[in-house]
C-alpha atoms as a PDB file:
ATOM      1  CA  MET A   1      87.158  82.951 123.169  1.00  0.00           C
ATOM      2  CA  ALA A   2      87.219  79.233 123.964  1.00  0.00           C
ATOM      3  CA  LYS A   3      90.439  77.494 122.966  1.00  0.00           C
ATOM      4  CA  THR A   4      90.071  74.467 120.697  1.00  0.00           C
ATOM      5  CA  LYS A   5      92.843  71.913 120.383  1.00  0.00           C
ATOM      6  CA  VAL A   6      94.638  72.406 117.073  1.00  0.00           C
ATOM      7  CA  VAL A   7      96.889  69.844 115.407  1.00  0.00           C
ATOM      8  CA  GLN A   8      99.979  71.651 114.087  1.00  0.00           C
ATOM      9  CA  SER A   9     102.605  70.579 111.604  1.00  0.00           C
ATOM     10  CA  SER A  10     106.295  71.274 112.237  1.00  0.00           C
ATOM     11  CA  ARG A  11     106.109  74.040 109.607  1.00  0.00           C
ATOM     12  CA  THR A  12     103.213  75.705 111.446  1.00  0.00           C
ATOM     13  CA  ARG A  13     105.101  75.590 114.746  1.00  0.00           C
ATOM     14  CA  ARG A  14     108.083  77.341 113.156  1.00  0.00           C
ATOM     15  CA  HIS A  15     105.941  80.063 111.606  1.00  0.00           C
ATOM     16  CA  ASP A  16     105.874  83.458 113.381  1.00  0.00           C
ATOM     17  CA  PRO A  17     102.774  85.439 112.335  1.00  0.00           C
ATOM     18  CA  THR A  18     104.000  88.509 114.221  1.00  0.00           C
ATOM     19  CA  ALA A  19     107.214  88.785 112.192  1.00  0.00           C
ATOM     20  CA  LEU A  20     105.635  90.952 109.472  1.00  0.00           C
ATOM     21  CA  GLY A  21     104.591  93.698 111.883  1.00  0.00           C
ATOM     22  CA  ARG A  22     107.685  93.493 114.058  1.00  0.00           C
ATOM     23  CA  ASN A  23     109.944  93.748 111.009  1.00  0.00           C
ATOM     24  CA  PHE A  24     107.934  96.740 109.752  1.00  0.00           C
ATOM     25  CA  LYS A  25     108.511  98.547 113.051  1.00  0.00           C
ATOM     26  CA  ARG A  26     112.161  97.471 113.163  1.00  0.00           C
ATOM     27  CA  ARG A  27     112.751  99.087 109.773  1.00  0.00           C
ATOM     28  CA  LEU A  28     111.221 102.338 110.996  1.00  0.00           C
ATOM     29  CA  ARG A  29     113.362 102.314 114.141  1.00  0.00           C
ATOM     30  CA  ALA A  30     116.419 101.687 111.959  1.00  0.00           C
ATOM     31  CA  GLY A  31     115.684 104.908 110.066  1.00  0.00           C
ATOM     32  CA  GLU A  32     114.622 103.361 106.773  1.00  0.00           C
ATOM     33  CA  VAL A  33     112.310 105.276 104.426  1.00  0.00           C
ATOM     34  CA  LEU A  34     109.170 103.255 103.665  1.00  0.00           C
ATOM     35  CA  LEU A  35     106.753 103.855 100.801  1.00  0.00           C
ATOM     36  CA  GLY A  36     103.110 102.900 101.158  1.00  0.00           C
ATOM     37  CA  GLY A  37     100.788 102.214  98.251  1.00  0.00           C
ATOM     38  CA  SER A  38      97.361 103.643  99.075  1.00  0.00           C
ATOM     39  CA  VAL A  39      94.049 101.909  98.391  1.00  0.00           C
ATOM     40  CA  SER A  40      90.750 103.765  98.250  1.00  0.00           C
ATOM     41  CA  GLU A  41      88.376 101.615  96.211  1.00  0.00           C
ATOM     42  CA  TYR A  42      89.659  98.429  94.577  1.00  0.00           C
ATOM     43  CA  LEU A  43      90.397  95.806  97.225  1.00  0.00           C
ATOM     44  CA  ARG A  44      91.558  93.113  94.848  1.00  0.00           C
ATOM     45  CA  PRO A  45      94.207  90.480  95.664  1.00  0.00           C
ATOM     46  CA  SER A  46      95.799  91.313  92.302  1.00  0.00           C
ATOM     47  CA  LEU A  47      96.452  94.854  93.562  1.00  0.00           C
ATOM     48  CA  ALA A  48      98.400  93.421  96.502  1.00  0.00           C
ATOM     49  CA  LYS A  49     100.599  91.518  94.042  1.00  0.00           C
ATOM     50  CA  ILE A  50     101.031  94.568  91.799  1.00  0.00           C
ATOM     51  CA  TYR A  51     102.068  96.747  94.751  1.00  0.00           C
ATOM     52  CA  ALA A  52     104.477  94.062  95.964  1.00  0.00           C
ATOM     53  CA  GLN A  53     106.037  93.736  92.497  1.00  0.00           C
ATOM     54  CA  ALA A  54     106.320  97.523  92.251  1.00  0.00           C
ATOM     55  CA  GLY A  55     108.435  97.528  95.399  1.00  0.00           C
ATOM     56  CA  TYR A  56     106.171  99.186  97.943  1.00  0.00           C
ATOM     57  CA  ASP A  57     107.066  98.611 101.591  1.00  0.00           C
ATOM     58  CA  PHE A  58     103.523  98.601 102.968  1.00  0.00           C
ATOM     59  CA  VAL A  59      99.903  99.178 101.977  1.00  0.00           C
ATOM     60  CA  TYR A  60      97.686 101.915 103.368  1.00  0.00           C
ATOM     61  CA  VAL A  61      93.911 101.385 103.250  1.00  0.00           C
ATOM     62  CA  ASP A  62      91.548 104.338 103.731  1.00  0.00           C
ATOM     63  CA  LYS A  63      88.505 103.097 105.641  1.00  0.00           C
ATOM     64  CA  GLU A  64      87.416 106.582 106.687  1.00  0.00           C
ATOM     65  CA  HIS A  65      86.122 107.733 103.319  1.00  0.00           C
ATOM     66  CA  MET A  66      85.360 104.504 101.451  1.00  0.00           C
ATOM     67  CA  PHE A  67      82.984 101.586 101.974  1.00  0.00           C
ATOM     68  CA  PHE A  68      84.547  98.130 102.293  1.00  0.00           C
ATOM     69  CA  ASP A  69      82.682  95.082 103.561  1.00  0.00           C
ATOM     70  CA  GLY A  70      84.242  92.554 105.904  1.00  0.00           C
ATOM     71  CA  ALA A  71      84.898  89.839 103.341  1.00  0.00           C
ATOM     72  CA  GLU A  72      86.733  91.932 100.760  1.00  0.00           C
ATOM     73  CA  MET A  73      88.816  93.675 103.428  1.00  0.00           C
ATOM     74  CA  THR A  74      89.799  90.388 105.044  1.00  0.00           C
ATOM     75  CA  ASP A  75      90.708  88.817 101.690  1.00  0.00           C
ATOM     76  CA  PHE A  76      92.768  91.839 100.672  1.00  0.00           C
ATOM     77  CA  ILE A  77      94.733  91.934 103.929  1.00  0.00           C
ATOM     78  CA  MET A  78      95.384  88.199 103.601  1.00  0.00           C
ATOM     79  CA  ALA A  79      96.701  88.711 100.060  1.00  0.00           C
ATOM     80  CA  ASP A  80      98.994  91.497 101.271  1.00  0.00           C
ATOM     81  CA  ARG A  81     100.333  89.337 104.081  1.00  0.00           C
ATOM     82  CA  ASP A  82     100.985  86.496 101.634  1.00  0.00           C
ATOM     83  CA  ASN A  83     103.022  88.978  99.588  1.00  0.00           C
ATOM     84  CA  GLN A  84     104.925  90.240 102.660  1.00  0.00           C
ATOM     85  CA  LEU A  85     103.230  93.648 102.614  1.00  0.00           C
ATOM     86  CA  PRO A  86     102.201  95.020 106.034  1.00  0.00           C
ATOM     87  CA  VAL A  87      98.809  96.757 106.007  1.00  0.00           C
ATOM     88  CA  VAL A  88      98.134 100.032 107.804  1.00  0.00           C
ATOM     89  CA  SER A  89      94.439 100.864 107.864  1.00  0.00           C
ATOM     90  CA  LYS A  90      92.811 104.152 108.776  1.00  0.00           C
ATOM     91  CA  ILE A  91      89.601 103.766 110.771  1.00  0.00           C
ATOM     92  CA  GLY A  92      86.662 106.167 110.627  1.00  0.00           C
ATOM     93  CA  GLU A  93      86.785 107.061 114.324  1.00  0.00           C
ATOM     94  CA  LEU A  94      87.697 105.553 117.669  1.00  0.00           C
ATOM     95  CA  ASN A  95      85.879 102.241 117.624  1.00  0.00           C
ATOM     96  CA  ARG A  96      86.831  99.126 119.550  1.00  0.00           C
ATOM     97  CA  GLY A  97      85.027  96.680 117.263  1.00  0.00           C
ATOM     98  CA  GLU A  98      86.456  98.085 114.023  1.00  0.00           C
ATOM     99  CA  THR A  99      89.952  98.173 115.481  1.00  0.00           C
ATOM    100  CA  ALA A 100      89.667  94.556 116.644  1.00  0.00           C
ATOM    101  CA  ARG A 101      88.342  93.302 113.305  1.00  0.00           C
ATOM    102  CA  LEU A 102      91.188  94.924 111.374  1.00  0.00           C
ATOM    103  CA  LEU A 103      93.830  93.530 113.716  1.00  0.00           C
ATOM    104  CA  GLU A 104      92.252  90.079 113.681  1.00  0.00           C
ATOM    105  CA  ALA A 105      92.192  90.220 109.874  1.00  0.00           C
ATOM    106  CA  GLY A 106      95.965  90.719 109.991  1.00  0.00           C
ATOM    107  CA  ALA A 107      96.519  94.487 109.680  1.00  0.00           C
ATOM    108  CA  VAL A 108      99.677  95.595 111.492  1.00  0.00           C
ATOM    109  CA  GLY A 109      98.858  99.284 111.906  1.00  0.00           C
ATOM    110  CA  ILE A 110      95.799 101.341 112.859  1.00  0.00           C
ATOM    111  CA  GLN A 111      95.738 104.998 111.841  1.00  0.00           C
ATOM    112  CA  LEU A 112      93.432 107.362 113.736  1.00  0.00           C
ATOM    113  CA  PRO A 113      92.170 110.381 111.735  1.00  0.00           C
ATOM    114  CA  ARG A 114      91.797 113.727 113.484  1.00  0.00           C
ATOM    115  CA  SER A 115      94.187 112.763 116.261  1.00  0.00           C
ATOM    116  CA  GLU A 116      93.871 115.711 118.611  1.00  0.00           C
ATOM    117  CA  SER A 117      94.716 114.570 122.147  1.00  0.00           C
ATOM    118  CA  ARG A 118      96.732 112.105 124.179  1.00  0.00           C
ATOM    119  CA  GLN A 119      93.489 110.761 125.621  1.00  0.00           C
ATOM    120  CA  GLN A 120      92.343 109.643 122.160  1.00  0.00           C
ATOM    121  CA  LEU A 121      95.619 107.838 121.558  1.00  0.00           C
ATOM    122  CA  GLN A 122      95.552 106.126 124.935  1.00  0.00           C
ATOM    123  CA  GLU A 123      92.100 104.777 124.143  1.00  0.00           C
ATOM    124  CA  LEU A 124      93.255 103.497 120.755  1.00  0.00           C
ATOM    125  CA  ILE A 125      96.322 101.881 122.328  1.00  0.00           C
ATOM    126  CA  SER A 126      94.066 100.153 124.852  1.00  0.00           C
ATOM    127  CA  TYR A 127      92.099  98.608 121.964  1.00  0.00           C
ATOM    128  CA  MET A 128      95.303  97.476 120.232  1.00  0.00           C
ATOM    129  CA  LYS A 129      97.263  95.918 123.121  1.00  0.00           C
ATOM    130  CA  PHE A 130      96.520  92.817 125.170  1.00  0.00           C
ATOM    131  CA  PRO A 131      96.294  92.859 128.979  1.00  0.00           C
ATOM    132  CA  PRO A 132      97.957  94.013 131.130  1.00  0.00           C
ATOM    133  CA  TYR A 133      98.861  96.887 128.786  1.00  0.00           C
ATOM    134  CA  GLY A 134      95.487  97.171 127.076  1.00  0.00           C
ATOM    135  CA  THR A 135      92.048  95.644 126.744  1.00  0.00           C
ATOM    136  CA  ARG A 136      92.277  93.825 123.416  1.00  0.00           C
ATOM    137  CA  ALA A 137      90.437  90.507 123.472  1.00  0.00           C
ATOM    138  CA  GLY A 138      92.361  87.366 122.587  1.00  0.00           C
ATOM    139  CA  ALA A 139      91.349  85.835 119.249  1.00  0.00           C
ATOM    140  CA  PRO A 140      94.329  83.873 117.922  1.00  0.00           C
ATOM    141  CA  CYS A 141      92.614  81.961 115.165  1.00  0.00           C
ATOM    142  CA  TYR A 142      92.152  84.385 112.277  1.00  0.00           C
ATOM    143  CA  GLY A 143      94.342  86.251 109.801  1.00  0.00           C
ATOM    144  CA  ASN A 144      96.403  87.756 112.618  1.00  0.00           C
ATOM    145  CA  VAL A 145      98.044  84.331 113.101  1.00  0.00           C
ATOM    146  CA  ASP A 146      97.624  83.206 109.484  1.00  0.00           C
ATOM    147  CA  TYR A 147      95.029  80.710 110.724  1.00  0.00           C
ATOM    148  CA  ALA A 148      97.483  78.687 112.831  1.00  0.00           C
ATOM    149  CA  TRP A 149      96.987  78.792 116.605  1.00  0.00           C
ATOM    150  CA  PRO A 150     100.215  79.823 118.411  1.00  0.00           C
ATOM    151  CA  ALA A 151     102.061  77.043 120.194  1.00  0.00           C
ATOM    152  CA  ASP A 152     103.107  79.365 123.044  1.00  0.00           C
ATOM    153  CA  ASP A 153     100.288  81.706 124.095  1.00  0.00           C
ATOM    154  CA  ARG A 154     102.343  83.866 126.474  1.00  0.00           C
ATOM    155  CA  LYS A 155     105.070  84.427 123.874  1.00  0.00           C
ATOM    156  CA  TRP A 156     102.526  85.142 121.160  1.00  0.00           C
ATOM    157  CA  LEU A 157     100.711  87.762 123.265  1.00  0.00           C
ATOM    158  CA  ARG A 158     103.981  89.580 123.944  1.00  0.00           C
ATOM    159  CA  GLN A 159     105.131  89.469 120.329  1.00  0.00           C
ATOM    160  CA  ALA A 160     101.678  90.431 119.048  1.00  0.00           C
ATOM    161  CA  ASP A 161     101.815  93.592 121.176  1.00  0.00           C
ATOM    162  CA  GLU A 162     105.238  94.330 119.713  1.00  0.00           C
ATOM    163  CA  SER A 163     103.975  93.799 116.158  1.00  0.00           C
ATOM    164  CA  VAL A 164     101.157  96.376 116.019  1.00  0.00           C
ATOM    165  CA  ALA A 165     101.856  99.974 114.987  1.00  0.00           C
ATOM    166  CA  VAL A 166      99.940 102.879 116.528  1.00  0.00           C
ATOM    167  CA  VAL A 167      99.675 105.554 113.833  1.00  0.00           C
ATOM    168  CA  VAL A 168      98.737 109.144 114.711  1.00  0.00           C
ATOM    169  CA  HIS A 169      97.054 111.201 111.989  1.00  0.00           C
ATOM    170  CA  ILE A 170      97.375 114.950 112.561  1.00  0.00           C
ATOM    171  CA  GLU A 171      95.226 116.973 110.163  1.00  0.00           C
ATOM    172  CA  THR A 172      93.620 119.777 112.190  1.00  0.00           C
ATOM    173  CA  ALA A 173      94.674 123.003 113.886  1.00  0.00           C
ATOM    174  CA  LEU A 174      93.881 121.447 117.279  1.00  0.00           C
ATOM    175  CA  GLY A 175      96.043 118.425 116.493  1.00  0.00           C
ATOM    176  CA  TYR A 176      98.863 120.809 115.576  1.00  0.00           C
ATOM    177  CA  GLU A 177      98.332 122.781 118.785  1.00  0.00           C
ATOM    178  CA  ASN A 178      98.540 119.573 120.850  1.00  0.00           C
ATOM    179  CA  ALA A 179     101.265 117.992 118.740  1.00  0.00           C
ATOM    180  CA  GLU A 180     103.832 117.502 121.492  1.00  0.00           C
ATOM    181  CA  GLU A 181     101.464 115.761 123.907  1.00  0.00           C
ATOM    182  CA  ILE A 182     100.271 113.576 121.016  1.00  0.00           C
ATOM    183  CA  VAL A 183     103.716 112.691 119.646  1.00  0.00           C
ATOM    184  CA  SER A 184     105.112 111.982 123.121  1.00  0.00           C
ATOM    185  CA  THR A 185     102.317 109.546 124.021  1.00  0.00           C
ATOM    186  CA  PRO A 186     103.953 106.230 125.041  1.00  0.00           C
ATOM    187  CA  GLU A 187     103.460 103.417 122.483  1.00  0.00           C
ATOM    188  CA  VAL A 188     102.926 105.786 119.521  1.00  0.00           C
ATOM    189  CA  ASP A 189     105.015 104.465 116.618  1.00  0.00           C
ATOM    190  CA  MET A 190     104.237 106.716 113.647  1.00  0.00           C
ATOM    191  CA  VAL A 191     102.905 110.227 113.041  1.00  0.00           C
ATOM    192  CA  TYR A 192     101.313 110.988 109.688  1.00  0.00           C
ATOM    193  CA  VAL A 193     100.369 114.561 108.780  1.00  0.00           C
ATOM    194  CA  GLY A 194      97.582 114.535 106.198  1.00  0.00           C
ATOM    195  CA  PRO A 195      98.562 117.521 104.066  1.00  0.00           C
ATOM    196  CA  TYR A 196      95.234 118.168 102.356  1.00  0.00           C
ATOM    197  CA  ASP A 197      93.050 118.559 105.436  1.00  0.00           C
ATOM    198  CA  PHE A 198      95.984 120.082 107.298  1.00  0.00           C
ATOM    199  CA  SER A 199      96.393 122.728 104.595  1.00  0.00           C
ATOM    200  CA  ILE A 200      92.678 123.498 104.936  1.00  0.00           C
ATOM    201  CA  SER A 201      93.111 123.948 108.694  1.00  0.00           C
ATOM    202  CA  MET A 202      96.066 126.237 108.053  1.00  0.00           C
ATOM    203  CA  GLY A 203      93.963 128.418 105.739  1.00  0.00           C
ATOM    204  CA  GLU A 204      95.735 127.340 102.530  1.00  0.00           C
ATOM    205  CA  PRO A 205      93.481 124.631 100.989  1.00  0.00           C
ATOM    206  CA  GLY A 206      95.386 122.229  98.769  1.00  0.00           C
ATOM    207  CA  ASN A 207      98.670 124.129  98.973  1.00  0.00           C
ATOM    208  CA  TYR A 208     100.927 121.535 100.597  1.00  0.00           C
ATOM    209  CA  ASP A 209     104.028 123.657 100.017  1.00  0.00           C
ATOM    210  CA  HIS A 210     102.768 126.991 101.342  1.00  0.00           C
ATOM    211  CA  PRO A 211     105.268 128.428 103.880  1.00  0.00           C
ATOM    212  CA  VAL A 212     102.674 128.373 106.680  1.00  0.00           C
ATOM    213  CA  VAL A 213     101.808 124.717 106.035  1.00  0.00           C
ATOM    214  CA  ARG A 214     105.421 123.705 105.532  1.00  0.00           C
ATOM    215  CA  LYS A 215     106.537 125.455 108.727  1.00  0.00           C
ATOM    216  CA  ALA A 216     103.926 123.570 110.763  1.00  0.00           C
ATOM    217  CA  LEU A 217     104.924 120.229 109.228  1.00  0.00           C
ATOM    218  CA  LEU A 218     108.587 120.897 109.990  1.00  0.00           C
ATOM    219  CA  GLU A 219     107.711 121.667 113.611  1.00  0.00           C
ATOM    220  CA  ILE A 220     105.880 118.344 113.922  1.00  0.00           C
ATOM    221  CA  LEU A 221     108.801 116.559 112.236  1.00  0.00           C
ATOM    222  CA  LYS A 222     111.135 118.125 114.796  1.00  0.00           C
ATOM    223  CA  LEU A 223     108.929 116.844 117.633  1.00  0.00           C
ATOM    224  CA  CYS A 224     108.963 113.359 116.117  1.00  0.00           C
ATOM    225  CA  LYS A 225     112.758 113.376 116.022  1.00  0.00           C
ATOM    226  CA  LYS A 226     112.855 114.574 119.632  1.00  0.00           C
ATOM    227  CA  HIS A 227     110.628 111.727 120.820  1.00  0.00           C
ATOM    228  CA  GLY A 228     111.952 109.006 118.514  1.00  0.00           C
ATOM    229  CA  VAL A 229     108.751 108.577 116.497  1.00  0.00           C
ATOM    230  CA  ALA A 230     108.652 108.056 112.723  1.00  0.00           C
ATOM    231  CA  PHE A 231     107.232 111.042 110.792  1.00  0.00           C
ATOM    232  CA  GLY A 232     105.373 110.656 107.508  1.00  0.00           C
ATOM    233  CA  THR A 233     103.242 112.601 105.069  1.00  0.00           C
ATOM    234  CA  SER A 234     102.137 112.690 101.419  1.00  0.00           C
ATOM    235  CA  ALA A 235     104.349 114.970  99.342  1.00  0.00           C
ATOM    236  CA  SER A 236     103.072 117.159  96.519  1.00  0.00           C
ATOM    237  CA  SER A 237     105.570 115.546  94.121  1.00  0.00           C
ATOM    238  CA  PRO A 238     108.446 113.026  94.133  1.00  0.00           C
ATOM    239  CA  GLU A 239     110.865 115.962  94.096  1.00  0.00           C
ATOM    240  CA  ARG A 240     109.274 117.396  97.244  1.00  0.00           C
ATOM    241  CA  GLY A 241     109.254 113.905  98.698  1.00  0.00           C
ATOM    242  CA  ARG A 242     113.019 113.637  98.326  1.00  0.00           C
ATOM    243  CA  GLU A 243     113.356 117.011 100.078  1.00  0.00           C
ATOM    244  CA  TRP A 244     111.274 115.671 102.967  1.00  0.00           C
ATOM    245  CA  ILE A 245     113.465 112.559 103.140  1.00  0.00           C
ATOM    246  CA  ALA A 246     116.544 114.767 103.425  1.00  0.00           C
ATOM    247  CA  LYS A 247     114.910 116.458 106.421  1.00  0.00           C
ATOM    248  CA  GLY A 248     114.125 113.166 108.141  1.00  0.00           C
ATOM    249  CA  CYS A 249     110.719 112.042 106.853  1.00  0.00           C
ATOM    250  CA  GLN A 250     110.540 108.247 107.117  1.00  0.00           C
ATOM    251  CA  PHE A 251     107.350 107.161 105.403  1.00  0.00           C
ATOM    252  CA  PHE A 252     104.935 108.276 102.724  1.00  0.00           C
ATOM    253  CA  GLU A 253     101.378 107.313 101.899  1.00  0.00           C
ATOM    254  CA  LEU A 254     101.519 107.618  98.132  1.00  0.00           C
ATOM    255  CA  SER A 255      98.881 107.959  95.418  1.00  0.00           C
ATOM    256  CA  THR A 256      95.843 105.689  95.512  1.00  0.00           C
ATOM    257  CA  GLU A 257      95.252 103.019  92.899  1.00  0.00           C
ATOM    258  CA  GLN A 258      92.477 105.280  91.615  1.00  0.00           C
ATOM    259  CA  GLY A 259      94.946 108.144  91.088  1.00  0.00           C
ATOM    260  CA  LEU A 260      97.438 105.844  89.372  1.00  0.00           C
ATOM    261  CA  ILE A 261      94.761 104.610  86.960  1.00  0.00           C
ATOM    262  CA  ILE A 262      93.533 108.142  86.187  1.00  0.00           C
ATOM    263  CA  ASN A 263      97.049 109.480  85.595  1.00  0.00           C
ATOM    264  CA  GLY A 264      98.183 106.441  83.618  1.00  0.00           C
ATOM    265  CA  ALA A 265      95.092 106.471  81.396  1.00  0.00           C
ATOM    266  CA  ALA A 266      95.406 110.209  80.718  1.00  0.00           C
ATOM    267  CA  GLU A 267      99.102 109.865  79.924  1.00  0.00           C
ATOM    268  CA  LEU A 268      98.433 107.086  77.418  1.00  0.00           C
ATOM    269  CA  VAL A 269      95.717 109.115  75.664  1.00  0.00           C
ATOM    270  CA  ARG A 270      98.057 112.128  75.467  1.00  0.00           C
ATOM    271  CA  ALA A 271     100.750 109.904  73.965  1.00  0.00           C
ATOM    272  CA  TYR A 272      98.406 109.339  71.026  1.00  0.00           C
ATOM    273  CA  GLY A 273      98.012 113.086  70.539  1.00  0.00           C
ATOM    274  CA  LYS A 274      94.598 113.331  72.155  1.00  0.00           C
ATOM    275  CA  GLY A 275      93.254 114.471  75.482  1.00  0.00           C
ATOM    276  CA  LYS A 276      94.223 117.489  77.539  1.00  0.00           C
END
């Protein structure tokens, strides 16, 4: 992309657009437990503010199963960034263009569903990192820099590489079988085990706490500890979530806004003596 001269204020020069992602990764390395508010349908800036006020540590957007156009996704990520909420987005499949657009919009993490091999992860990493470590194209003029061109290109490229989180998503029997080669892939930052699809692969659909499913998750958690990678999942309940934290789980992708609305609406109706 051709570089256009940009007039910068002193405030712009002091601003570090990579700080949000680098701080997110620093907290994981420090062993903090981070809670992510999931989004499946309503990409409204107000939801970013609500999640921030609720105390979430990051936002997880599911782009595998839902349809979001470019404008609403970009606006939502911008609203999250303005509220100091890092965005991790799942993509539908390995795709250079989709990965680039999400990173340019300002997402800090890309989550790859059906992660099943080191080769897949190396390709994703190539899309996410700038040369010489990857093949990401330079585009420092969008949400990834909060629309202020970096004053020092070399420094920005290095810090931008440090600010993006590579998120593995293990949810199949093959991913479980290849878990160690996946988890030990250099540059992998986080490993999420999607319990619903994983429970299906383990022959126990929907039973997150079945001994077979739980045993497999604990094995992957052990591998994450061995290789210094943050492990995360979605627990069947807050009580189970606290048990996972005690075992070393560091992040959770919690209920979607859709689930919160459904549960909250049903609870209110029941409070009036109606409903099921």
